[in-house]
Amino acid sequence: MSEQQDALEDLESRGVLSALGWANASAYRRTMQDYDPDTGHDQGWVGSTAHKLLCDRLHRVFSTGKYAVESSEAASVGLDTVAAGLAPGEFRKMPIIAPGVVAWSDVNSSPGWRCGEWRFLLASFVFGESNRIPWPQKSPTKRQVASQYFPGGPFGQSMLPLDEEPDPALAAIVQAMGEESEDSQVTTLVVAHSVALELGVRELYLGRSRLNRGGGEAWYWKHDLLATDFGTPGTRPIPAAPGPRPGSSGVQDAPVRLRREAREGNDK
């Protein structure tokens, strides 16, 4: 079985893939709702806002950050807090994931979560350019993640890129990731997200980034999370302009498992 199959099966079975889809749809729905170019909002505002809201939604569904709790019983008591600020109906469709299944696991302040042997960090990119994301031009954290050893790959070692002068920031990331791997096996993936403002169409991928010096493919593998039915109930499309990808109907809610309806706060 390939690493891609392992990752997708593990994360799907624990509800993580559905959670990523739900969080992305919620974050971009609110971002596009608030977007107003007449007030000075631009692509940069959209990217920054969606990124922050995506982090917030993932904290909610994973019970991390300010939504962290110590047990499932404690989580059921704080449902009003989790529901606050969400659009009508979103809380009802939020996947149920027990606290502790997914943990906060940032790298050098880059937002990240960990589920078993898989950690995933967030990254935004230019819409339509997912295969050409220039990882060598990204932050030291994203560069180091893209240089992880990949079994069977032509290159990619967990070390400083050979064509760069060592710098303190990158060296600290290498050391932190190395110390962690000594205690347990962890592979860091990337959740890449984007939107086309004119169409309101999203892109969302999970994959293993590849340090593409001089251009070339940006991934060893990647999976389109918006083109997959994970076999969970609660799917409902969000009206939006059609996207360019064959078979896509534009901005859509992710397929999710229904969350309990008790004490839904502002969810109506």
C-alpha atoms as a PDB file:
ATOM      1  CA  MET A   1       0.000   0.000   0.000  1.00  0.00           C
ATOM      2  CA  SER A   2       1.304   3.454  -0.898  1.00  0.00           C
ATOM      3  CA  GLU A   3       1.834   6.312   1.531  1.00  0.00           C
ATOM      4  CA  GLN A   4      -1.029   8.179  -0.132  1.00  0.00           C
ATOM      5  CA  GLN A   5      -3.421   5.279   0.439  1.00  0.00           C
ATOM      6  CA  ASP A   6      -2.247   4.902   4.033  1.00  0.00           C
ATOM      7  CA  ALA A   7      -2.730   8.589   4.787  1.00  0.00           C
ATOM      8  CA  LEU A   8      -6.134   8.895   3.122  1.00  0.00           C
ATOM      9  CA  GLU A   9      -7.501   5.731   4.732  1.00  0.00           C
ATOM     10  CA  ASP A  10      -6.209   6.618   8.204  1.00  0.00           C
ATOM     11  CA  LEU A  11      -7.435  10.206   8.116  1.00  0.00           C
ATOM     12  CA  GLU A  12     -10.766   9.335   6.508  1.00  0.00           C
ATOM     13  CA  SER A  13     -11.514   6.633   9.076  1.00  0.00           C
ATOM     14  CA  ARG A  14     -11.020   9.139  11.892  1.00  0.00           C
ATOM     15  CA  GLY A  15     -13.164  11.825  10.282  1.00  0.00           C
ATOM     16  CA  VAL A  16     -10.287  14.179   9.511  1.00  0.00           C
ATOM     17  CA  LEU A  17     -10.906  14.433   5.763  1.00  0.00           C
ATOM     18  CA  SER A  18     -14.566  15.291   6.307  1.00  0.00           C
ATOM     19  CA  ALA A  19     -13.511  17.842   8.925  1.00  0.00           C
ATOM     20  CA  LEU A  20     -11.100  19.499   6.497  1.00  0.00           C
ATOM     21  CA  GLY A  21     -13.820  19.784   3.880  1.00  0.00           C
ATOM     22  CA  TRP A  22     -16.365  21.164   6.349  1.00  0.00           C
ATOM     23  CA  ALA A  23     -13.930  23.694   7.797  1.00  0.00           C
ATOM     24  CA  ASN A  24     -12.822  24.883   4.373  1.00  0.00           C
ATOM     25  CA  ALA A  25     -16.387  25.361   3.128  1.00  0.00           C
ATOM     26  CA  SER A  26     -17.358  27.251   6.289  1.00  0.00           C
ATOM     27  CA  ALA A  27     -14.275  29.488   6.244  1.00  0.00           C
ATOM     28  CA  TYR A  28     -14.616  30.471   2.604  1.00  0.00           C
ATOM     29  CA  ARG A  29     -18.382  30.909   2.827  1.00  0.00           C
ATOM     30  CA  ARG A  30     -17.943  33.522   5.549  1.00  0.00           C
ATOM     31  CA  THR A  31     -14.958  35.122   3.823  1.00  0.00           C
ATOM     32  CA  MET A  32     -16.810  35.567   0.534  1.00  0.00           C
ATOM     33  CA  GLN A  33     -19.874  36.797   2.391  1.00  0.00           C
ATOM     34  CA  ASP A  34     -17.820  39.584   3.997  1.00  0.00           C
ATOM     35  CA  TYR A  35     -15.733  40.348   0.917  1.00  0.00           C
ATOM     36  CA  ASP A  36     -16.370  43.893  -0.371  1.00  0.00           C
ATOM     37  CA  PRO A  37     -13.914  45.363  -2.902  1.00  0.00           C
ATOM     38  CA  ASP A  38     -15.496  48.799  -2.429  1.00  0.00           C
ATOM     39  CA  THR A  39     -14.098  48.905   1.109  1.00  0.00           C
ATOM     40  CA  GLY A  40     -10.609  48.016  -0.094  1.00  0.00           C
ATOM     41  CA  HIS A  41     -10.723  44.239   0.223  1.00  0.00           C
ATOM     42  CA  ASP A  42      -8.488  42.448  -2.283  1.00  0.00           C
ATOM     43  CA  GLN A  43      -7.064  38.998  -2.967  1.00  0.00           C
ATOM     44  CA  GLY A  44      -4.623  39.437  -0.094  1.00  0.00           C
ATOM     45  CA  TRP A  45      -7.475  40.154   2.319  1.00  0.00           C
ATOM     46  CA  VAL A  46      -9.394  37.129   1.084  1.00  0.00           C
ATOM     47  CA  GLY A  47      -6.394  34.832   1.476  1.00  0.00           C
ATOM     48  CA  SER A  48      -5.504  36.102   4.950  1.00  0.00           C
ATOM     49  CA  THR A  49      -9.076  36.061   6.219  1.00  0.00           C
ATOM     50  CA  ALA A  50      -9.876  32.611   4.852  1.00  0.00           C
ATOM     51  CA  HIS A  51      -6.647  31.236   6.331  1.00  0.00           C
ATOM     52  CA  LYS A  52      -7.495  32.564   9.806  1.00  0.00           C
ATOM     53  CA  LEU A  53     -11.085  31.336   9.626  1.00  0.00           C
ATOM     54  CA  LEU A  54      -9.917  27.921   8.433  1.00  0.00           C
ATOM     55  CA  CYS A  55      -7.710  27.667  11.521  1.00  0.00           C
ATOM     56  CA  ASP A  56     -10.662  28.687  13.688  1.00  0.00           C
ATOM     57  CA  ARG A  57     -12.981  26.085  12.152  1.00  0.00           C
ATOM     58  CA  LEU A  58     -10.401  23.338  12.543  1.00  0.00           C
ATOM     59  CA  HIS A  59      -9.905  24.274  16.196  1.00  0.00           C
ATOM     60  CA  ARG A  60     -13.664  23.926  16.677  1.00  0.00           C
ATOM     61  CA  VAL A  61     -14.028  20.518  15.070  1.00  0.00           C
ATOM     62  CA  PHE A  62     -10.835  19.111  16.630  1.00  0.00           C
ATOM     63  CA  SER A  63     -11.452  20.646  20.095  1.00  0.00           C
ATOM     64  CA  THR A  64      -8.094  22.432  20.089  1.00  0.00           C
ATOM     65  CA  GLY A  65      -6.955  26.025  20.609  1.00  0.00           C
ATOM     66  CA  LYS A  66      -9.516  28.080  22.525  1.00  0.00           C
ATOM     67  CA  TYR A  67     -12.018  25.243  22.042  1.00  0.00           C
ATOM     68  CA  ALA A  68      -9.813  22.692  23.792  1.00  0.00           C
ATOM     69  CA  VAL A  69     -11.492  20.424  26.357  1.00  0.00           C
ATOM     70  CA  GLU A  70     -10.319  17.533  28.470  1.00  0.00           C
ATOM     71  CA  SER A  71     -13.057  15.022  27.686  1.00  0.00           C
ATOM     72  CA  SER A  72     -16.068  14.280  25.498  1.00  0.00           C
ATOM     73  CA  GLU A  73     -18.314  15.111  28.440  1.00  0.00           C
ATOM     74  CA  ALA A  74     -16.746  18.558  28.717  1.00  0.00           C
ATOM     75  CA  ALA A  75     -17.149  19.039  24.972  1.00  0.00           C
ATOM     76  CA  SER A  76     -20.896  18.386  25.159  1.00  0.00           C
ATOM     77  CA  VAL A  77     -21.245  21.100  27.805  1.00  0.00           C
ATOM     78  CA  GLY A  78     -19.551  23.740  25.629  1.00  0.00           C
ATOM     79  CA  LEU A  79     -21.522  23.265  22.407  1.00  0.00           C
ATOM     80  CA  ASP A  80     -22.915  26.811  22.501  1.00  0.00           C
ATOM     81  CA  THR A  81     -19.384  28.199  22.387  1.00  0.00           C
ATOM     82  CA  VAL A  82     -18.423  25.968  19.477  1.00  0.00           C
ATOM     83  CA  ALA A  83     -21.560  26.979  17.539  1.00  0.00           C
ATOM     84  CA  ALA A  84     -21.184  30.729  18.108  1.00  0.00           C
ATOM     85  CA  GLY A  85     -20.349  32.668  14.939  1.00  0.00           C
ATOM     86  CA  LEU A  86     -21.160  29.883  12.496  1.00  0.00           C
ATOM     87  CA  ALA A  87     -23.696  30.307   9.701  1.00  0.00           C
ATOM     88  CA  PRO A  88     -27.151  28.755  10.210  1.00  0.00           C
ATOM     89  CA  GLY A  89     -26.953  25.016   9.663  1.00  0.00           C
ATOM     90  CA  GLU A  90     -23.158  24.747   9.771  1.00  0.00           C
ATOM     91  CA  PHE A  91     -22.906  23.532  13.345  1.00  0.00           C
ATOM     92  CA  ARG A  92     -25.467  20.786  12.704  1.00  0.00           C
ATOM     93  CA  LYS A  93     -23.273  19.439   9.903  1.00  0.00           C
ATOM     94  CA  MET A  94     -19.959  19.717  11.710  1.00  0.00           C
ATOM     95  CA  PRO A  95     -18.334  16.245  11.980  1.00  0.00           C
ATOM     96  CA  ILE A  96     -18.209  14.650  15.417  1.00  0.00           C
ATOM     97  CA  ILE A  97     -14.605  13.995  16.390  1.00  0.00           C
ATOM     98  CA  ALA A  98     -13.835  13.097  19.985  1.00  0.00           C
ATOM     99  CA  PRO A  99     -11.377  15.388  21.799  1.00  0.00           C
ATOM    100  CA  GLY A 100      -7.847  13.997  21.626  1.00  0.00           C
ATOM    101  CA  VAL A 101      -8.211  12.192  18.305  1.00  0.00           C
ATOM    102  CA  VAL A 102      -6.548  15.172  16.639  1.00  0.00           C
ATOM    103  CA  ALA A 103      -4.054  17.339  18.538  1.00  0.00           C
ATOM    104  CA  TRP A 104      -2.588  20.778  17.902  1.00  0.00           C
ATOM    105  CA  SER A 105       0.888  20.308  16.415  1.00  0.00           C
ATOM    106  CA  ASP A 106       2.277  23.506  14.935  1.00  0.00           C
ATOM    107  CA  VAL A 107       5.786  23.780  13.546  1.00  0.00           C
ATOM    108  CA  ASN A 108       7.618  27.025  14.208  1.00  0.00           C
ATOM    109  CA  SER A 109       4.214  28.791  14.639  1.00  0.00           C
ATOM    110  CA  SER A 110       2.917  27.405  11.333  1.00  0.00           C
ATOM    111  CA  PRO A 111      -0.629  26.130  12.111  1.00  0.00           C
ATOM    112  CA  GLY A 112      -0.764  22.358  12.192  1.00  0.00           C
ATOM    113  CA  TRP A 113      -2.600  19.382  13.656  1.00  0.00           C
ATOM    114  CA  ARG A 114      -1.608  15.787  14.215  1.00  0.00           C
ATOM    115  CA  CYS A 115      -3.636  12.578  13.989  1.00  0.00           C
ATOM    116  CA  GLY A 116      -1.662   9.439  14.696  1.00  0.00           C
ATOM    117  CA  GLU A 117       1.424   9.370  12.509  1.00  0.00           C
ATOM    118  CA  TRP A 118       0.171  12.178  10.253  1.00  0.00           C
ATOM    119  CA  ARG A 119       0.628  15.880  10.823  1.00  0.00           C
ATOM    120  CA  PHE A 120      -0.752  18.464   8.410  1.00  0.00           C
ATOM    121  CA  LEU A 121       0.073  22.136   8.010  1.00  0.00           C
ATOM    122  CA  LEU A 122      -1.976  24.753   6.157  1.00  0.00           C
ATOM    123  CA  ALA A 123      -0.757  26.597   3.072  1.00  0.00           C
ATOM    124  CA  SER A 124      -2.483  28.945   0.641  1.00  0.00           C
ATOM    125  CA  PHE A 125      -1.636  29.170  -3.056  1.00  0.00           C
ATOM    126  CA  VAL A 126      -2.636  30.965  -6.251  1.00  0.00           C
ATOM    127  CA  PHE A 127      -5.816  29.448  -7.671  1.00  0.00           C
ATOM    128  CA  GLY A 128      -5.097  27.027 -10.496  1.00  0.00           C
ATOM    129  CA  GLU A 129      -1.396  26.793  -9.656  1.00  0.00           C
ATOM    130  CA  SER A 130      -1.424  23.898  -7.199  1.00  0.00           C
ATOM    131  CA  ASN A 131       1.036  21.825  -9.228  1.00  0.00           C
ATOM    132  CA  ARG A 132       3.518  24.691  -9.428  1.00  0.00           C
ATOM    133  CA  ILE A 133       3.603  25.987  -5.858  1.00  0.00           C
ATOM    134  CA  PRO A 134       7.177  27.287  -5.449  1.00  0.00           C
ATOM    135  CA  TRP A 135       8.059  25.671  -2.122  1.00  0.00           C
ATOM    136  CA  PRO A 136      11.696  26.923  -2.219  1.00  0.00           C
ATOM    137  CA  GLN A 137      10.275  30.464  -2.101  1.00  0.00           C
ATOM    138  CA  LYS A 138       8.002  29.759   0.854  1.00  0.00           C
ATOM    139  CA  SER A 139       8.769  30.074   4.559  1.00  0.00           C
ATOM    140  CA  PRO A 140      11.595  28.062   6.145  1.00  0.00           C
ATOM    141  CA  THR A 141       8.971  25.767   7.660  1.00  0.00           C
ATOM    142  CA  LYS A 142       7.313  24.978   4.325  1.00  0.00           C
ATOM    143  CA  ARG A 143      10.725  24.505   2.680  1.00  0.00           C
ATOM    144  CA  GLN A 144      11.807  22.032   5.314  1.00  0.00           C
ATOM    145  CA  VAL A 145       8.536  20.104   5.152  1.00  0.00           C
ATOM    146  CA  ALA A 146       8.933  19.843   1.364  1.00  0.00           C
ATOM    147  CA  SER A 147      12.427  18.436   1.844  1.00  0.00           C
ATOM    148  CA  GLN A 148      11.354  15.521   4.064  1.00  0.00           C
ATOM    149  CA  TYR A 149      12.564  12.104   3.057  1.00  0.00           C
ATOM    150  CA  PHE A 150      10.070  10.399   0.757  1.00  0.00           C
ATOM    151  CA  PRO A 151      10.420   6.614   0.362  1.00  0.00           C
ATOM    152  CA  GLY A 152      11.153   5.805  -3.250  1.00  0.00           C
ATOM    153  CA  GLY A 153      11.511   9.447  -4.247  1.00  0.00           C
ATOM    154  CA  PRO A 154      14.444  10.757  -6.292  1.00  0.00           C
ATOM    155  CA  PHE A 155      15.394  13.161  -3.537  1.00  0.00           C
ATOM    156  CA  GLY A 156      14.121  14.739  -0.381  1.00  0.00           C
ATOM    157  CA  GLN A 157      15.938  14.211   2.866  1.00  0.00           C
ATOM    158  CA  SER A 158      15.105  15.513   6.304  1.00  0.00           C
ATOM    159  CA  MET A 159      17.965  17.965   6.237  1.00  0.00           C
ATOM    160  CA  LEU A 160      18.882  21.463   5.197  1.00  0.00           C
ATOM    161  CA  PRO A 161      18.465  21.934   1.424  1.00  0.00           C
ATOM    162  CA  LEU A 162      21.894  21.493  -0.093  1.00  0.00           C
ATOM    163  CA  ASP A 163      21.810  24.673  -2.174  1.00  0.00           C
ATOM    164  CA  GLU A 164      21.062  26.959   0.748  1.00  0.00           C
ATOM    165  CA  GLU A 165      23.244  28.483   3.405  1.00  0.00           C
ATOM    166  CA  PRO A 166      22.165  27.250   6.838  1.00  0.00           C
ATOM    167  CA  ASP A 167      20.165  29.875   8.719  1.00  0.00           C
ATOM    168  CA  PRO A 168      19.026  29.826  12.369  1.00  0.00           C
ATOM    169  CA  ALA A 169      15.304  29.632  11.572  1.00  0.00           C
ATOM    170  CA  LEU A 170      15.633  26.643   9.256  1.00  0.00           C
ATOM    171  CA  ALA A 171      18.131  24.917  11.528  1.00  0.00           C
ATOM    172  CA  ALA A 172      15.703  25.211  14.450  1.00  0.00           C
ATOM    173  CA  ILE A 173      12.937  23.601  12.393  1.00  0.00           C
ATOM    174  CA  VAL A 174      15.215  20.749  11.337  1.00  0.00           C
ATOM    175  CA  GLN A 175      16.207  20.127  14.940  1.00  0.00           C
ATOM    176  CA  ALA A 176      12.604  20.193  16.201  1.00  0.00           C
ATOM    177  CA  MET A 177      11.392  17.794  13.523  1.00  0.00           C
ATOM    178  CA  GLY A 178      14.365  15.528  14.092  1.00  0.00           C
ATOM    179  CA  GLU A 179      13.821  15.357  17.855  1.00  0.00           C
ATOM    180  CA  GLU A 180      10.171  14.530  17.324  1.00  0.00           C
ATOM    181  CA  SER A 181      10.931  11.721  14.882  1.00  0.00           C
ATOM    182  CA  GLU A 182      13.214  10.108  17.464  1.00  0.00           C
ATOM    183  CA  ASP A 183      10.245   9.601  19.792  1.00  0.00           C
ATOM    184  CA  SER A 184       7.639   8.603  17.218  1.00  0.00           C
ATOM    185  CA  GLN A 185       7.154   8.303  13.504  1.00  0.00           C
ATOM    186  CA  VAL A 186       5.453  11.368  12.087  1.00  0.00           C
ATOM    187  CA  THR A 187       5.010  12.463   8.483  1.00  0.00           C
ATOM    188  CA  THR A 188       4.065  16.059   7.797  1.00  0.00           C
ATOM    189  CA  LEU A 189       1.580  16.680   5.007  1.00  0.00           C
ATOM    190  CA  VAL A 190       0.228  19.947   3.622  1.00  0.00           C
ATOM    191  CA  VAL A 191      -3.386  21.088   3.276  1.00  0.00           C
ATOM    192  CA  ALA A 192      -3.331  23.616   0.431  1.00  0.00           C
ATOM    193  CA  HIS A 193      -6.319  25.888  -0.184  1.00  0.00           C
ATOM    194  CA  SER A 194      -7.291  28.604  -2.653  1.00  0.00           C
ATOM    195  CA  VAL A 195     -10.273  30.408  -4.208  1.00  0.00           C
ATOM    196  CA  ALA A 196     -11.077  32.162  -7.497  1.00  0.00           C
ATOM    197  CA  LEU A 197     -12.696  35.461  -6.552  1.00  0.00           C
ATOM    198  CA  GLU A 198     -14.536  35.941  -9.842  1.00  0.00           C
ATOM    199  CA  LEU A 199     -16.167  32.499  -9.703  1.00  0.00           C
ATOM    200  CA  GLY A 200     -16.302  31.827  -5.989  1.00  0.00           C
ATOM    201  CA  VAL A 201     -14.750  28.415  -6.655  1.00  0.00           C
ATOM    202  CA  ARG A 202     -12.459  26.763  -4.131  1.00  0.00           C
ATOM    203  CA  GLU A 203      -9.574  24.344  -4.358  1.00  0.00           C
ATOM    204  CA  LEU A 204      -8.512  22.123  -1.464  1.00  0.00           C
ATOM    205  CA  TYR A 205      -5.770  19.499  -1.571  1.00  0.00           C
ATOM    206  CA  LEU A 206      -4.023  17.231   0.892  1.00  0.00           C
ATOM    207  CA  GLY A 207      -0.625  15.926  -0.101  1.00  0.00           C
ATOM    208  CA  ARG A 208       3.096  15.406   0.378  1.00  0.00           C
ATOM    209  CA  SER A 209       4.914  18.502  -0.815  1.00  0.00           C
ATOM    210  CA  ARG A 210       8.076  18.197  -2.938  1.00  0.00           C
ATOM    211  CA  LEU A 211      10.923  20.705  -2.851  1.00  0.00           C
ATOM    212  CA  ASN A 212      10.752  21.692  -6.523  1.00  0.00           C
ATOM    213  CA  ARG A 213      13.984  23.604  -7.008  1.00  0.00           C
ATOM    214  CA  GLY A 214      14.057  25.078 -10.508  1.00  0.00           C
ATOM    215  CA  GLY A 215      10.342  24.456 -10.998  1.00  0.00           C
ATOM    216  CA  GLY A 216       8.637  21.162 -11.668  1.00  0.00           C
ATOM    217  CA  GLU A 217       6.012  19.213  -9.788  1.00  0.00           C
ATOM    218  CA  ALA A 218       5.191  20.589  -6.349  1.00  0.00           C
ATOM    219  CA  TRP A 219       3.975  17.263  -4.928  1.00  0.00           C
ATOM    220  CA  TYR A 220       5.002  13.658  -4.578  1.00  0.00           C
ATOM    221  CA  TRP A 221       1.268  13.070  -4.331  1.00  0.00           C
ATOM    222  CA  LYS A 222      -1.818  15.138  -3.673  1.00  0.00           C
ATOM    223  CA  HIS A 223      -5.514  14.410  -3.301  1.00  0.00           C
ATOM    224  CA  ASP A 224      -8.418  16.668  -4.273  1.00  0.00           C
ATOM    225  CA  LEU A 225     -10.600  16.856  -1.161  1.00  0.00           C
ATOM    226  CA  LEU A 226     -13.418  18.606  -2.999  1.00  0.00           C
ATOM    227  CA  ALA A 227     -13.813  15.898  -5.630  1.00  0.00           C
ATOM    228  CA  THR A 228     -14.246  13.032  -3.192  1.00  0.00           C
ATOM    229  CA  ASP A 229     -17.329  11.553  -1.577  1.00  0.00           C
ATOM    230  CA  PHE A 230     -16.140  10.119   1.724  1.00  0.00           C
ATOM    231  CA  GLY A 231     -19.348   8.152   2.157  1.00  0.00           C
ATOM    232  CA  THR A 232     -20.688  10.180   5.090  1.00  0.00           C
ATOM    233  CA  PRO A 233     -24.199  11.646   5.350  1.00  0.00           C
ATOM    234  CA  GLY A 234     -25.119  15.324   5.414  1.00  0.00           C
ATOM    235  CA  THR A 235     -23.957  16.401   1.955  1.00  0.00           C
ATOM    236  CA  ARG A 236     -25.587  19.543   0.619  1.00  0.00           C
ATOM    237  CA  PRO A 237     -24.290  21.854  -2.144  1.00  0.00           C
ATOM    238  CA  ILE A 238     -23.737  25.574  -1.544  1.00  0.00           C
ATOM    239  CA  PRO A 239     -25.086  27.633  -4.474  1.00  0.00           C
ATOM    240  CA  ALA A 240     -22.171  29.109  -6.386  1.00  0.00           C
ATOM    241  CA  ALA A 241     -20.847  29.717  -9.858  1.00  0.00           C
ATOM    242  CA  PRO A 242     -19.660  26.575 -11.664  1.00  0.00           C
ATOM    243  CA  GLY A 243     -15.950  25.830 -11.463  1.00  0.00           C
ATOM    244  CA  PRO A 244     -13.530  24.883 -14.209  1.00  0.00           C
ATOM    245  CA  ARG A 245     -12.838  21.374 -12.928  1.00  0.00           C
ATOM    246  CA  PRO A 246     -14.863  18.692 -14.758  1.00  0.00           C
ATOM    247  CA  GLY A 247     -17.618  17.348 -12.564  1.00  0.00           C
ATOM    248  CA  SER A 248     -17.337  20.131 -10.022  1.00  0.00           C
ATOM    249  CA  SER A 249     -20.380  22.219  -9.148  1.00  0.00           C
ATOM    250  CA  GLY A 250     -18.475  25.127  -7.648  1.00  0.00           C
ATOM    251  CA  VAL A 251     -18.202  25.998  -3.976  1.00  0.00           C
ATOM    252  CA  GLN A 252     -19.704  23.092  -2.089  1.00  0.00           C
ATOM    253  CA  ASP A 253     -20.089  21.891   1.447  1.00  0.00           C
ATOM    254  CA  ALA A 254     -17.965  18.864   2.240  1.00  0.00           C
ATOM    255  CA  PRO A 255     -19.700  15.561   2.941  1.00  0.00           C
ATOM    256  CA  VAL A 256     -19.819  15.261   6.730  1.00  0.00           C
ATOM    257  CA  ARG A 257     -21.343  13.259   9.530  1.00  0.00           C
ATOM    258  CA  LEU A 258     -24.187  14.971  11.374  1.00  0.00           C
ATOM    259  CA  ARG A 259     -23.316  16.406  14.745  1.00  0.00           C
ATOM    260  CA  ARG A 260     -25.717  16.168  17.680  1.00  0.00           C
ATOM    261  CA  GLU A 261     -28.404  18.846  17.569  1.00  0.00           C
ATOM    262  CA  ALA A 262     -28.668  19.457  21.318  1.00  0.00           C
ATOM    263  CA  ARG A 263     -27.708  22.968  22.448  1.00  0.00           C
ATOM    264  CA  GLU A 264     -26.824  24.259  19.004  1.00  0.00           C
ATOM    265  CA  GLY A 265     -26.390  27.873  20.042  1.00  0.00           C
ATOM    266  CA  ASN A 266     -27.009  30.175  17.106  1.00  0.00           C
ATOM    267  CA  ASP A 267     -27.452  27.286  14.668  1.00  0.00           C
ATOM    268  CA  LYS A 268     -31.019  27.356  13.397  1.00  0.00           C
END
